């Protein structure tokens, strides 16, 4: 292959790559191991009733999706932490207590679900 053909092939390849745009995050990156562990805990402890990820419906229609919870106006790290630390806030179905590290991990994960353009799922 001549240098001219090689240069043309490289130019075409770069041009096609530029047309593709940025790859989506879901394809190019897996959750960090720590976040994956917290998500697995959330799915096991809370996912029987709540949708614990974006774009999902809660298995229990009476249990709000976590994105709906964390996108409520005025919700902060402090308000969510306070609520989760007090088991008296939980409905009867939530018959367990969370220790402080679990609360902190869940709050940190839940706040990743906040989005300025959040739209509730239609049930």
PDB file of N, CA and C in Angstrom:
ATOM      1  N   UNK A   1       0.861  -1.164   0.000  1.00  0.00           N
ATOM      2  CA  UNK A   1       0.000   0.000   0.000  1.00  0.00           C
ATOM      3  C   UNK A   1       0.906   1.226   0.000  1.00  0.00           C
ATOM      4  N   UNK A   2       0.577   2.182  -0.829  1.00  0.00           N
ATOM      5  CA  UNK A   2       1.391   3.393  -0.916  1.00  0.00           C
ATOM      6  C   UNK A   2       1.088   4.312   0.266  1.00  0.00           C
ATOM      7  N   UNK A   3       1.989   5.247   0.488  1.00  0.00           N
ATOM      8  CA  UNK A   3       1.812   6.215   1.568  1.00  0.00           C
ATOM      9  C   UNK A   3       0.543   7.023   1.339  1.00  0.00           C
ATOM     10  N   UNK A   4       0.258   7.345   0.080  1.00  0.00           N
ATOM     11  CA  UNK A   4      -0.943   8.117  -0.258  1.00  0.00           C
ATOM     12  C   UNK A   4      -2.195   7.326   0.113  1.00  0.00           C
ATOM     13  N   UNK A   5      -2.221   6.026  -0.211  1.00  0.00           N
ATOM     14  CA  UNK A   5      -3.383   5.194   0.128  1.00  0.00           C
ATOM     15  C   UNK A   5      -3.521   5.026   1.644  1.00  0.00           C
ATOM     16  N   UNK A   6      -2.382   4.863   2.314  1.00  0.00           N
ATOM     17  CA  UNK A   6      -2.402   4.725   3.764  1.00  0.00           C
ATOM     18  C   UNK A   6      -2.940   5.995   4.426  1.00  0.00           C
ATOM     19  N   UNK A   7      -2.500   7.146   3.955  1.00  0.00           N
ATOM     20  CA  UNK A   7      -2.980   8.421   4.498  1.00  0.00           C
ATOM     21  C   UNK A   7      -4.473   8.578   4.255  1.00  0.00           C
ATOM     22  N   UNK A   8      -4.937   8.184   3.072  1.00  0.00           N
ATOM     23  CA  UNK A   8      -6.367   8.274   2.762  1.00  0.00           C
ATOM     24  C   UNK A   8      -7.170   7.338   3.661  1.00  0.00           C
ATOM     25  N   UNK A   9      -6.659   6.128   3.897  1.00  0.00           N
ATOM     26  CA  UNK A   9      -7.360   5.164   4.748  1.00  0.00           C
ATOM     27  C   UNK A   9      -7.449   5.679   6.184  1.00  0.00           C
ATOM     28  N   UNK A  10      -6.366   6.276   6.669  1.00  0.00           N
ATOM     29  CA  UNK A  10      -6.378   6.837   8.024  1.00  0.00           C
ATOM     30  C   UNK A  10      -7.368   7.989   8.116  1.00  0.00           C
ATOM     31  N   UNK A  11      -7.392   8.848   7.110  1.00  0.00           N
ATOM     32  CA  UNK A  11      -8.314   9.986   7.111  1.00  0.00           C
ATOM     33  C   UNK A  11      -9.762   9.512   7.119  1.00  0.00           C
ATOM     34  N   UNK A  12     -10.076   8.505   6.321  1.00  0.00           N
ATOM     35  CA  UNK A  12     -11.441   7.969   6.273  1.00  0.00           C
ATOM     36  C   UNK A  12     -11.806   7.350   7.622  1.00  0.00           C
ATOM     37  N   UNK A  13     -10.883   6.586   8.201  1.00  0.00           N
ATOM     38  CA  UNK A  13     -11.142   5.954   9.496  1.00  0.00           C
ATOM     39  C   UNK A  13     -11.399   6.997  10.574  1.00  0.00           C
ATOM     40  N   UNK A  14     -10.563   8.031  10.617  1.00  0.00           N
ATOM     41  CA  UNK A  14     -10.757   9.091  11.606  1.00  0.00           C
ATOM     42  C   UNK A  14     -12.064   9.835  11.372  1.00  0.00           C
ATOM     43  N   UNK A  15     -12.406  10.066  10.125  1.00  0.00           N
ATOM     44  CA  UNK A  15     -13.661  10.745   9.808  1.00  0.00           C
ATOM     45  C   UNK A  15     -14.864   9.935  10.251  1.00  0.00           C
ATOM     46  N   UNK A  16     -14.830   8.625  10.012  1.00  0.00           N
ATOM     47  CA  UNK A  16     -15.941   7.767  10.435  1.00  0.00           C
ATOM     48  C   UNK A  16     -16.029   7.691  11.957  1.00  0.00           C
ATOM     49  N   UNK A  17     -14.887   7.629  12.613  1.00  0.00           N
ATOM     50  CA  UNK A  17     -14.895   7.588  14.079  1.00  0.00           C
ATOM     51  C   UNK A  17     -15.479   8.868  14.653  1.00  0.00           C
ATOM     52  N   UNK A  18     -15.181  10.002  14.044  1.00  0.00           N
ATOM     53  CA  UNK A  18     -15.710  11.279  14.521  1.00  0.00           C
ATOM     54  C   UNK A  18     -17.216  11.355  14.343  1.00  0.00           C
ATOM     55  N   UNK A  19     -17.744  10.708  13.335  1.00  0.00           N
ATOM     56  CA  UNK A  19     -19.189  10.729  13.080  1.00  0.00           C
ATOM     57  C   UNK A  19     -19.969   9.942  14.125  1.00  0.00           C
ATOM     58  N   UNK A  20     -19.333   9.017  14.784  1.00  0.00           N
ATOM     59  CA  UNK A  20     -20.035   8.182  15.753  1.00  0.00           C
ATOM     60  C   UNK A  20     -20.377   8.919  17.030  1.00  0.00           C
ATOM     61  N   UNK A  21     -19.686   9.958  17.379  1.00  0.00           N
ATOM     62  CA  UNK A  21     -19.938  10.656  18.639  1.00  0.00           C
ATOM     63  C   UNK A  21     -19.384   9.870  19.802  1.00  0.00           C
ATOM     64  N   UNK A  22     -19.638  10.376  20.984  1.00  0.00           N
ATOM     65  CA  UNK A  22     -19.125   9.730  22.194  1.00  0.00           C
ATOM     66  C   UNK A  22     -19.936   8.491  22.513  1.00  0.00           C
ATOM     67  N   UNK A  23     -19.287   7.415  22.914  1.00  0.00           N
ATOM     68  CA  UNK A  23     -20.033   6.223  23.307  1.00  0.00           C
ATOM     69  C   UNK A  23     -20.791   6.481  24.598  1.00  0.00           C
ATOM     70  N   UNK A  24     -21.913   5.790  24.761  1.00  0.00           N
ATOM     71  CA  UNK A  24     -22.699   5.984  25.978  1.00  0.00           C
ATOM     72  C   UNK A  24     -21.969   5.390  27.165  1.00  0.00           C
ATOM     73  N   UNK A  25     -22.190   5.976  28.334  1.00  0.00           N
ATOM     74  CA  UNK A  25     -21.502   5.532  29.548  1.00  0.00           C
ATOM     75  C   UNK A  25     -21.863   4.099  29.896  1.00  0.00           C
ATOM     76  N   UNK A  26     -23.097   3.680  29.613  1.00  0.00           N
ATOM     77  CA  UNK A  26     -23.510   2.340  29.989  1.00  0.00           C
ATOM     78  C   UNK A  26     -22.768   1.274  29.202  1.00  0.00           C
ATOM     79  N   UNK A  27     -22.290   1.626  28.029  1.00  0.00           N
ATOM     80  CA  UNK A  27     -21.570   0.660  27.215  1.00  0.00           C
ATOM     81  C   UNK A  27     -20.095   0.639  27.595  1.00  0.00           C
ATOM     82  N   UNK A  28     -19.528   1.797  27.870  1.00  0.00           N
ATOM     83  CA  UNK A  28     -18.087   1.883  28.039  1.00  0.00           C
ATOM     84  C   UNK A  28     -17.615   1.709  29.465  1.00  0.00           C
ATOM     85  N   UNK A  29     -18.484   1.883  30.445  1.00  0.00           N
ATOM     86  CA  UNK A  29     -17.996   1.775  31.815  1.00  0.00           C
ATOM     87  C   UNK A  29     -18.970   0.996  32.677  1.00  0.00           C
ATOM     88  N   UNK A  30     -18.424   0.065  33.405  1.00  0.00           N
ATOM     89  CA  UNK A  30     -19.222  -0.682  34.372  1.00  0.00           C
ATOM     90  C   UNK A  30     -19.183   0.084  35.687  1.00  0.00           C
ATOM     91  N   UNK A  31     -20.141  -0.172  36.573  1.00  0.00           N
ATOM     92  CA  UNK A  31     -20.085   0.516  37.858  1.00  0.00           C
ATOM     93  C   UNK A  31     -18.793   0.162  38.588  1.00  0.00           C
ATOM     94  N   UNK A  32     -18.297   1.109  39.352  1.00  0.00           N
ATOM     95  CA  UNK A  32     -17.118   0.838  40.169  1.00  0.00           C
ATOM     96  C   UNK A  32     -17.449  -0.319  41.102  1.00  0.00           C
ATOM     97  N   UNK A  33     -16.444  -1.123  41.473  1.00  0.00           N
ATOM     98  CA  UNK A  33     -16.737  -2.280  42.339  1.00  0.00           C
ATOM     99  C   UNK A  33     -17.498  -1.899  43.601  1.00  0.00           C
ATOM    100  N   UNK A  34     -17.132  -0.781  44.225  1.00  0.00           N
ATOM    101  CA  UNK A  34     -17.817  -0.341  45.449  1.00  0.00           C
ATOM    102  C   UNK A  34     -19.281  -0.021  45.159  1.00  0.00           C
ATOM    103  N   UNK A  35     -19.533   0.704  44.062  1.00  0.00           N
ATOM    104  CA  UNK A  35     -20.910   1.040  43.712  1.00  0.00           C
ATOM    105  C   UNK A  35     -21.686  -0.226  43.362  1.00  0.00           C
ATOM    106  N   UNK A  36     -21.048  -1.168  42.704  1.00  0.00           N
ATOM    107  CA  UNK A  36     -21.706  -2.433  42.387  1.00  0.00           C
ATOM    108  C   UNK A  36     -22.099  -3.196  43.637  1.00  0.00           C
ATOM    109  N   UNK A  37     -21.241  -3.167  44.651  1.00  0.00           N
ATOM    110  CA  UNK A  37     -21.541  -3.836  45.913  1.00  0.00           C
ATOM    111  C   UNK A  37     -22.723  -3.166  46.608  1.00  0.00           C
ATOM    112  N   UNK A  38     -22.737  -1.835  46.609  1.00  0.00           N
ATOM    113  CA  UNK A  38     -23.836  -1.098  47.240  1.00  0.00           C
ATOM    114  C   UNK A  38     -25.134  -1.351  46.478  1.00  0.00           C
ATOM    115  N   UNK A  39     -25.069  -1.363  45.147  1.00  0.00           N
ATOM    116  CA  UNK A  39     -26.262  -1.641  44.350  1.00  0.00           C
ATOM    117  C   UNK A  39     -26.784  -3.046  44.644  1.00  0.00           C
ATOM    118  N   UNK A  40     -25.886  -4.020  44.759  1.00  0.00           N
ATOM    119  CA  UNK A  40     -26.316  -5.386  45.080  1.00  0.00           C
ATOM    120  C   UNK A  40     -26.999  -5.430  46.446  1.00  0.00           C
ATOM    121  N   UNK A  41     -26.450  -4.706  47.425  1.00  0.00           N
ATOM    122  CA  UNK A  41     -27.085  -4.634  48.744  1.00  0.00           C
ATOM    123  C   UNK A  41     -28.462  -3.987  48.630  1.00  0.00           C
ATOM    124  N   UNK A  42     -28.539  -2.888  47.886  1.00  0.00           N
ATOM    125  CA  UNK A  42     -29.813  -2.180  47.719  1.00  0.00           C
ATOM    126  C   UNK A  42     -30.849  -3.077  47.054  1.00  0.00           C
ATOM    127  N   UNK A  43     -30.432  -3.807  46.031  1.00  0.00           N
ATOM    128  CA  UNK A  43     -31.371  -4.700  45.356  1.00  0.00           C
ATOM    129  C   UNK A  43     -31.861  -5.790  46.299  1.00  0.00           C
ATOM    130  N   UNK A  44     -30.960  -6.332  47.115  1.00  0.00           N
ATOM    131  CA  UNK A  44     -31.347  -7.392  48.038  1.00  0.00           C
ATOM    132  C   UNK A  44     -32.195  -6.901  49.196  1.00  0.00           C
ATOM    133  N   UNK A  45     -31.836  -5.764  49.761  1.00  0.00           N
ATOM    134  CA  UNK A  45     -32.536  -5.266  50.947  1.00  0.00           C
ATOM    135  C   UNK A  45     -33.782  -4.463  50.606  1.00  0.00           C
ATOM    136  N   UNK A  46     -33.758  -3.752  49.483  1.00  0.00           N
ATOM    137  CA  UNK A  46     -34.820  -2.788  49.176  1.00  0.00           C
ATOM    138  C   UNK A  46     -35.541  -3.072  47.857  1.00  0.00           C
ATOM    139  N   UNK A  47     -34.863  -3.793  46.963  1.00  0.00           N
ATOM    140  CA  UNK A  47     -35.385  -3.992  45.615  1.00  0.00           C
ATOM    141  C   UNK A  47     -36.612  -4.877  45.511  1.00  0.00           C
ATOM    142  N   UNK A  48     -36.980  -5.564  46.582  1.00  0.00           N
ATOM    143  CA  UNK A  48     -38.206  -6.353  46.553  1.00  0.00           C
ATOM    144  C   UNK A  48     -39.446  -5.477  46.475  1.00  0.00           C
ATOM    145  N   UNK A  49     -39.311  -4.237  46.923  1.00  0.00           N
ATOM    146  CA  UNK A  49     -40.428  -3.289  46.886  1.00  0.00           C
ATOM    147  C   UNK A  49     -40.131  -2.085  46.001  1.00  0.00           C
ATOM    148  N   UNK A  50     -38.906  -1.548  46.096  1.00  0.00           N
ATOM    149  CA  UNK A  50     -38.541  -0.312  45.394  1.00  0.00           C
ATOM    150  C   UNK A  50     -37.738  -0.589  44.127  1.00  0.00           C
ATOM    151  N   UNK A  51     -37.929   0.250  43.124  1.00  0.00           N
ATOM    152  CA  UNK A  51     -36.991   0.292  42.005  1.00  0.00           C
ATOM    153  C   UNK A  51     -35.787   1.066  42.515  1.00  0.00           C
ATOM    154  N   UNK A  52     -34.616   0.446  42.492  1.00  0.00           N
ATOM    155  CA  UNK A  52     -33.426   1.068  43.057  1.00  0.00           C
ATOM    156  C   UNK A  52     -32.489   1.600  41.976  1.00  0.00           C
ATOM    157  N   UNK A  53     -32.954   1.602  40.721  1.00  0.00           N
ATOM    158  CA  UNK A  53     -32.167   2.129  39.610  1.00  0.00           C
ATOM    159  C   UNK A  53     -33.053   3.039  38.767  1.00  0.00           C
ATOM    160  N   UNK A  54     -32.421   3.841  37.937  1.00  0.00           N
ATOM    161  CA  UNK A  54     -33.165   4.705  37.023  1.00  0.00           C
ATOM    162  C   UNK A  54     -33.919   3.872  35.996  1.00  0.00           C
ATOM    163  N   UNK A  55     -34.992   4.435  35.480  1.00  0.00           N
ATOM    164  CA  UNK A  55     -35.771   3.839  34.393  1.00  0.00           C
ATOM    165  C   UNK A  55     -36.335   2.469  34.746  1.00  0.00           C
ATOM    166  N   UNK A  56     -36.795   2.318  35.963  1.00  0.00           N
ATOM    167  CA  UNK A  56     -37.400   1.061  36.389  1.00  0.00           C
ATOM    168  C   UNK A  56     -38.636   1.372  37.221  1.00  0.00           C
ATOM    169  N   UNK A  57     -39.559   0.436  37.230  1.00  0.00           N
ATOM    170  CA  UNK A  57     -40.761   0.567  38.055  1.00  0.00           C
ATOM    171  C   UNK A  57     -40.601  -0.291  39.300  1.00  0.00           C
ATOM    172  N   UNK A  58     -41.126   0.178  40.409  1.00  0.00           N
ATOM    173  CA  UNK A  58     -41.050  -0.583  41.655  1.00  0.00           C
ATOM    174  C   UNK A  58     -41.893  -1.841  41.550  1.00  0.00           C
ATOM    175  N   UNK A  59     -41.381  -2.973  42.055  1.00  0.00           N
ATOM    176  CA  UNK A  59     -42.175  -4.203  42.070  1.00  0.00           C
ATOM    177  C   UNK A  59     -43.468  -4.038  42.871  1.00  0.00           C
ATOM    178  N   UNK A  60     -43.421  -3.231  43.917  1.00  0.00           N
ATOM    179  CA  UNK A  60     -44.606  -2.927  44.711  1.00  0.00           C
ATOM    180  C   UNK A  60     -45.093  -1.545  44.280  1.00  0.00           C
ATOM    181  N   UNK A  61     -46.256  -1.460  43.649  1.00  0.00           N
ATOM    182  CA  UNK A  61     -46.731  -0.165  43.154  1.00  0.00           C
ATOM    183  C   UNK A  61     -46.887   0.900  44.235  1.00  0.00           C
ATOM    184  N   UNK A  62     -46.980   0.485  45.498  1.00  0.00           N
ATOM    185  CA  UNK A  62     -47.117   1.458  46.580  1.00  0.00           C
ATOM    186  C   UNK A  62     -45.765   1.956  47.097  1.00  0.00           C
ATOM    187  N   UNK A  63     -44.680   1.334  46.666  1.00  0.00           N
ATOM    188  CA  UNK A  63     -43.339   1.744  47.103  1.00  0.00           C
ATOM    189  C   UNK A  63     -42.743   2.658  46.035  1.00  0.00           C
ATOM    190  N   UNK A  64     -42.374   3.865  46.401  1.00  0.00           N
ATOM    191  CA  UNK A  64     -41.847   4.788  45.389  1.00  0.00           C
ATOM    192  C   UNK A  64     -40.490   4.336  44.849  1.00  0.00           C
ATOM    193  N   UNK A  65     -40.280   4.622  43.568  1.00  0.00           N
ATOM    194  CA  UNK A  65     -38.981   4.363  42.962  1.00  0.00           C
ATOM    195  C   UNK A  65     -37.960   5.284  43.619  1.00  0.00           C
ATOM    196  N   UNK A  66     -36.735   4.815  43.772  1.00  0.00           N
ATOM    197  CA  UNK A  66     -35.716   5.666  44.375  1.00  0.00           C
ATOM    198  C   UNK A  66     -35.472   6.941  43.590  1.00  0.00           C
ATOM    199  N   UNK A  67     -35.475   6.918  42.255  1.00  0.00           N
ATOM    200  CA  UNK A  67     -35.315   8.200  41.549  1.00  0.00           C
ATOM    201  C   UNK A  67     -36.419   9.201  41.904  1.00  0.00           C
ATOM    202  N   UNK A  68     -37.639   8.715  42.118  1.00  0.00           N
ATOM    203  CA  UNK A  68     -38.727   9.604  42.529  1.00  0.00           C
ATOM    204  C   UNK A  68     -38.428  10.202  43.903  1.00  0.00           C
ATOM    205  N   UNK A  69     -37.913   9.394  44.808  1.00  0.00           N
ATOM    206  CA  UNK A  69     -37.588   9.876  46.153  1.00  0.00           C
ATOM    207  C   UNK A  69     -36.503  10.941  46.096  1.00  0.00           C
ATOM    208  N   UNK A  70     -35.401  10.642  45.418  1.00  0.00           N
ATOM    209  CA  UNK A  70     -34.243  11.549  45.474  1.00  0.00           C
ATOM    210  C   UNK A  70     -34.404  12.788  44.611  1.00  0.00           C
ATOM    211  N   UNK A  71     -35.388  12.807  43.733  1.00  0.00           N
ATOM    212  CA  UNK A  71     -35.617  13.987  42.902  1.00  0.00           C
ATOM    213  C   UNK A  71     -36.727  14.874  43.442  1.00  0.00           C
ATOM    214  N   UNK A  72     -37.152  14.612  44.667  1.00  0.00           N
ATOM    215  CA  UNK A  72     -38.132  15.491  45.305  1.00  0.00           C
ATOM    216  C   UNK A  72     -37.469  16.812  45.651  1.00  0.00           C
ATOM    217  N   UNK A  73     -38.185  17.913  45.456  1.00  0.00           N
ATOM    218  CA  UNK A  73     -37.611  19.221  45.800  1.00  0.00           C
ATOM    219  C   UNK A  73     -37.207  19.276  47.273  1.00  0.00           C
ATOM    220  N   UNK A  74     -36.047  19.816  47.527  1.00  0.00           N
ATOM    221  CA  UNK A  74     -35.580  20.006  48.888  1.00  0.00           C
ATOM    222  C   UNK A  74     -34.847  18.830  49.498  1.00  0.00           C
ATOM    223  N   UNK A  75     -34.845  17.672  48.830  1.00  0.00           N
ATOM    224  CA  UNK A  75     -34.144  16.531  49.395  1.00  0.00           C
ATOM    225  C   UNK A  75     -32.640  16.779  49.331  1.00  0.00           C
ATOM    226  N   UNK A  76     -31.973  16.528  50.438  1.00  0.00           N
ATOM    227  CA  UNK A  76     -30.522  16.697  50.509  1.00  0.00           C
ATOM    228  C   UNK A  76     -29.903  15.444  51.111  1.00  0.00           C
ATOM    229  N   UNK A  77     -28.599  15.402  51.086  1.00  0.00           N
ATOM    230  CA  UNK A  77     -27.874  14.317  51.738  1.00  0.00           C
ATOM    231  C   UNK A  77     -28.298  14.236  53.205  1.00  0.00           C
ATOM    232  N   UNK A  78     -28.372  15.381  53.865  1.00  0.00           N
ATOM    233  CA  UNK A  78     -28.712  15.409  55.295  1.00  0.00           C
ATOM    234  C   UNK A  78     -30.134  14.925  55.556  1.00  0.00           C
ATOM    235  N   UNK A  79     -31.100  15.352  54.744  1.00  0.00           N
ATOM    236  CA  UNK A  79     -32.486  14.944  54.998  1.00  0.00           C
ATOM    237  C   UNK A  79     -32.678  13.455  54.723  1.00  0.00           C
ATOM    238  N   UNK A  80     -32.054  12.956  53.669  1.00  0.00           N
ATOM    239  CA  UNK A  80     -32.177  11.533  53.350  1.00  0.00           C
ATOM    240  C   UNK A  80     -31.470  10.686  54.408  1.00  0.00           C
ATOM    241  N   UNK A  81     -30.296  11.115  54.822  1.00  0.00           N
ATOM    242  CA  UNK A  81     -29.556  10.394  55.866  1.00  0.00           C
ATOM    243  C   UNK A  81     -30.367  10.345  57.154  1.00  0.00           C
ATOM    244  N   UNK A  82     -30.926  11.459  57.550  1.00  0.00           N
ATOM    245  CA  UNK A  82     -31.726  11.519  58.769  1.00  0.00           C
ATOM    246  C   UNK A  82     -32.912  10.570  58.683  1.00  0.00           C
ATOM    247  N   UNK A  83     -33.589  10.554  57.550  1.00  0.00           N
ATOM    248  CA  UNK A  83     -34.759   9.702  57.395  1.00  0.00           C
ATOM    249  C   UNK A  83     -34.372   8.229  57.466  1.00  0.00           C
ATOM    250  N   UNK A  84     -33.297   7.845  56.776  1.00  0.00           N
ATOM    251  CA  UNK A  84     -32.903   6.435  56.757  1.00  0.00           C
ATOM    252  C   UNK A  84     -32.335   5.964  58.096  1.00  0.00           C
ATOM    253  N   UNK A  85     -31.764   6.861  58.871  1.00  0.00           N
ATOM    254  CA  UNK A  85     -31.201   6.470  60.168  1.00  0.00           C
ATOM    255  C   UNK A  85     -32.279   6.192  61.205  1.00  0.00           C
ATOM    256  N   UNK A  86     -33.471   6.716  61.004  1.00  0.00           N
ATOM    257  CA  UNK A  86     -34.548   6.551  61.977  1.00  0.00           C
ATOM    258  C   UNK A  86     -35.524   5.493  61.480  1.00  0.00           C
ATOM    259  N   UNK A  87     -35.378   4.269  61.976  1.00  0.00           N
ATOM    260  CA  UNK A  87     -36.213   3.162  61.516  1.00  0.00           C
ATOM    261  C   UNK A  87     -37.690   3.376  61.817  1.00  0.00           C
ATOM    262  N   UNK A  88     -38.020   4.303  62.700  1.00  0.00           N
ATOM    263  CA  UNK A  88     -39.433   4.586  62.980  1.00  0.00           C
ATOM    264  C   UNK A  88     -40.116   5.209  61.763  1.00  0.00           C
ATOM    265  N   UNK A  89     -39.335   5.719  60.829  1.00  0.00           N
ATOM    266  CA  UNK A  89     -39.907   6.272  59.601  1.00  0.00           C
ATOM    267  C   UNK A  89     -40.361   5.184  58.635  1.00  0.00           C
ATOM    268  N   UNK A  90     -39.839   3.987  58.811  1.00  0.00           N
ATOM    269  CA  UNK A  90     -40.094   2.921  57.847  1.00  0.00           C
ATOM    270  C   UNK A  90     -41.509   2.369  58.000  1.00  0.00           C
ATOM    271  N   UNK A  91     -42.120   1.978  56.885  1.00  0.00           N
ATOM    272  CA  UNK A  91     -43.391   1.250  56.992  1.00  0.00           C
ATOM    273  C   UNK A  91     -43.147  -0.124  57.631  1.00  0.00           C
ATOM    274  N   UNK A  92     -44.205  -0.758  58.083  1.00  0.00           N
ATOM    275  CA  UNK A  92     -44.087  -2.071  58.724  1.00  0.00           C
ATOM    276  C   UNK A  92     -43.361  -3.082  57.859  1.00  0.00           C
ATOM    277  N   UNK A  93     -43.561  -3.010  56.557  1.00  0.00           N
ATOM    278  CA  UNK A  93     -42.950  -3.976  55.646  1.00  0.00           C
ATOM    279  C   UNK A  93     -41.422  -3.911  55.680  1.00  0.00           C
ATOM    280  N   UNK A  94     -40.887  -2.778  56.061  1.00  0.00           N
ATOM    281  CA  UNK A  94     -39.431  -2.610  56.124  1.00  0.00           C
ATOM    282  C   UNK A  94     -38.971  -2.978  57.526  1.00  0.00           C
ATOM    283  N   UNK A  95     -38.975  -4.254  57.812  1.00  0.00           N
ATOM    284  CA  UNK A  95     -38.693  -4.739  59.159  1.00  0.00           C
ATOM    285  C   UNK A  95     -37.200  -5.004  59.340  1.00  0.00           C
ATOM    286  N   UNK A  96     -36.381  -3.968  59.231  1.00  0.00           N
ATOM    287  CA  UNK A  96     -34.950  -4.095  59.476  1.00  0.00           C
ATOM    288  C   UNK A  96     -34.383  -2.727  59.808  1.00  0.00           C
ATOM    289  N   UNK A  97     -33.215  -2.741  60.387  1.00  0.00           N
ATOM    290  CA  UNK A  97     -32.498  -1.509  60.706  1.00  0.00           C
ATOM    291  C   UNK A  97     -31.241  -1.451  59.858  1.00  0.00           C
ATOM    292  N   UNK A  98     -30.833  -0.260  59.529  1.00  0.00           N
ATOM    293  CA  UNK A  98     -29.585  -0.049  58.803  1.00  0.00           C
ATOM    294  C   UNK A  98     -28.566   0.542  59.763  1.00  0.00           C
ATOM    295  N   UNK A  99     -27.325   0.044  59.696  1.00  0.00           N
ATOM    296  CA  UNK A  99     -26.294   0.671  60.522  1.00  0.00           C
ATOM    297  C   UNK A  99     -25.771   1.910  59.795  1.00  0.00           C
ATOM    298  N   UNK A 100     -24.993   2.721  60.492  1.00  0.00           N
ATOM    299  CA  UNK A 100     -24.540   4.005  59.952  1.00  0.00           C
ATOM    300  C   UNK A 100     -23.790   3.840  58.626  1.00  0.00           C
ATOM    301  N   UNK A 101     -22.823   2.901  58.508  1.00  0.00           N
ATOM    302  CA  UNK A 101     -22.147   2.761  57.208  1.00  0.00           C
ATOM    303  C   UNK A 101     -23.105   2.374  56.076  1.00  0.00           C
ATOM    304  N   UNK A 102     -24.091   1.518  56.362  1.00  0.00           N
ATOM    305  CA  UNK A 102     -25.065   1.152  55.330  1.00  0.00           C
ATOM    306  C   UNK A 102     -25.872   2.368  54.896  1.00  0.00           C
ATOM    307  N   UNK A 103     -26.296   3.176  55.847  1.00  0.00           N
ATOM    308  CA  UNK A 103     -27.050   4.389  55.521  1.00  0.00           C
ATOM    309  C   UNK A 103     -26.199   5.301  54.649  1.00  0.00           C
ATOM    310  N   UNK A 104     -24.959   5.518  55.048  1.00  0.00           N
ATOM    311  CA  UNK A 104     -24.085   6.413  54.286  1.00  0.00           C
ATOM    312  C   UNK A 104     -23.870   5.911  52.863  1.00  0.00           C
ATOM    313  N   UNK A 105     -23.667   4.598  52.708  1.00  0.00           N
ATOM    314  CA  UNK A 105     -23.471   4.033  51.374  1.00  0.00           C
ATOM    315  C   UNK A 105     -24.737   4.145  50.532  1.00  0.00           C
ATOM    316  N   UNK A 106     -25.884   3.835  51.138  1.00  0.00           N
ATOM    317  CA  UNK A 106     -27.140   3.926  50.391  1.00  0.00           C
ATOM    318  C   UNK A 106     -27.437   5.364  49.987  1.00  0.00           C
ATOM    319  N   UNK A 107     -27.223   6.302  50.884  1.00  0.00           N
ATOM    320  CA  UNK A 107     -27.465   7.711  50.564  1.00  0.00           C
ATOM    321  C   UNK A 107     -26.560   8.144  49.416  1.00  0.00           C
ATOM    322  N   UNK A 108     -25.276   7.805  49.496  1.00  0.00           N
ATOM    323  CA  UNK A 108     -24.346   8.179  48.422  1.00  0.00           C
ATOM    324  C   UNK A 108     -24.804   7.591  47.092  1.00  0.00           C
ATOM    325  N   UNK A 109     -25.226   6.317  47.098  1.00  0.00           N
ATOM    326  CA  UNK A 109     -25.717   5.697  45.864  1.00  0.00           C
ATOM    327  C   UNK A 109     -27.012   6.363  45.397  1.00  0.00           C
ATOM    328  N   UNK A 110     -27.955   6.536  46.315  1.00  0.00           N
ATOM    329  CA  UNK A 110     -29.251   7.099  45.937  1.00  0.00           C
ATOM    330  C   UNK A 110     -29.096   8.481  45.312  1.00  0.00           C
ATOM    331  N   UNK A 111     -28.182   9.280  45.840  1.00  0.00           N
ATOM    332  CA  UNK A 111     -28.005  10.633  45.306  1.00  0.00           C
ATOM    333  C   UNK A 111     -27.422  10.628  43.895  1.00  0.00           C
ATOM    334  N   UNK A 112     -26.803   9.507  43.476  1.00  0.00           N
ATOM    335  CA  UNK A 112     -26.345   9.419  42.079  1.00  0.00           C
ATOM    336  C   UNK A 112     -27.525   9.331  41.124  1.00  0.00           C
ATOM    337  N   UNK A 113     -28.708   9.041  41.645  1.00  0.00           N
ATOM    338  CA  UNK A 113     -29.909   8.930  40.810  1.00  0.00           C
ATOM    339  C   UNK A 113     -30.592  10.274  40.595  1.00  0.00           C
ATOM    340  N   UNK A 114     -30.090  11.330  41.235  1.00  0.00           N
ATOM    341  CA  UNK A 114     -30.669  12.659  41.025  1.00  0.00           C
ATOM    342  C   UNK A 114     -30.347  13.141  39.619  1.00  0.00           C
ATOM    343  N   UNK A 115     -31.314  13.827  39.021  1.00  0.00           N
ATOM    344  CA  UNK A 115     -31.134  14.348  37.673  1.00  0.00           C
ATOM    345  C   UNK A 115     -31.959  15.619  37.517  1.00  0.00           C
ATOM    346  N   UNK A 116     -31.361  16.688  36.973  1.00  0.00           N
ATOM    347  CA  UNK A 116     -32.116  17.932  36.801  1.00  0.00           C
ATOM    348  C   UNK A 116     -33.275  17.793  35.814  1.00  0.00           C
ATOM    349  N   UNK A 117     -33.208  16.817  34.917  1.00  0.00           N
ATOM    350  CA  UNK A 117     -34.284  16.637  33.935  1.00  0.00           C
ATOM    351  C   UNK A 117     -35.113  15.386  34.236  1.00  0.00           C
ATOM    352  N   UNK A 118     -35.209  15.022  35.513  1.00  0.00           N
ATOM    353  CA  UNK A 118     -35.947  13.830  35.926  1.00  0.00           C
ATOM    354  C   UNK A 118     -37.423  13.927  35.548  1.00  0.00           C
ATOM    355  N   UNK A 119     -37.938  12.850  35.011  1.00  0.00           N
ATOM    356  CA  UNK A 119     -39.368  12.694  34.720  1.00  0.00           C
ATOM    357  C   UNK A 119     -39.820  11.394  35.371  1.00  0.00           C
ATOM    358  N   UNK A 120     -40.859  11.412  36.213  1.00  0.00           N
ATOM    359  CA  UNK A 120     -41.322  10.168  36.839  1.00  0.00           C
ATOM    360  C   UNK A 120     -41.773   9.152  35.797  1.00  0.00           C
ATOM    361  N   UNK A 121     -41.548   7.883  36.112  1.00  0.00           N
ATOM    362  CA  UNK A 121     -42.001   6.804  35.233  1.00  0.00           C
ATOM    363  C   UNK A 121     -43.524   6.767  35.229  1.00  0.00           C
ATOM    364  N   UNK A 122     -44.097   6.434  34.112  1.00  0.00           N
ATOM    365  CA  UNK A 122     -45.551   6.310  34.000  1.00  0.00           C
ATOM    366  C   UNK A 122     -45.918   4.876  34.329  1.00  0.00           C
ATOM    367  N   UNK A 123     -46.818   4.719  35.308  1.00  0.00           N
ATOM    368  CA  UNK A 123     -47.212   3.366  35.705  1.00  0.00           C
ATOM    369  C   UNK A 123     -48.547   3.017  35.126  1.00  0.00           C
TER     370      UNK A 123
END
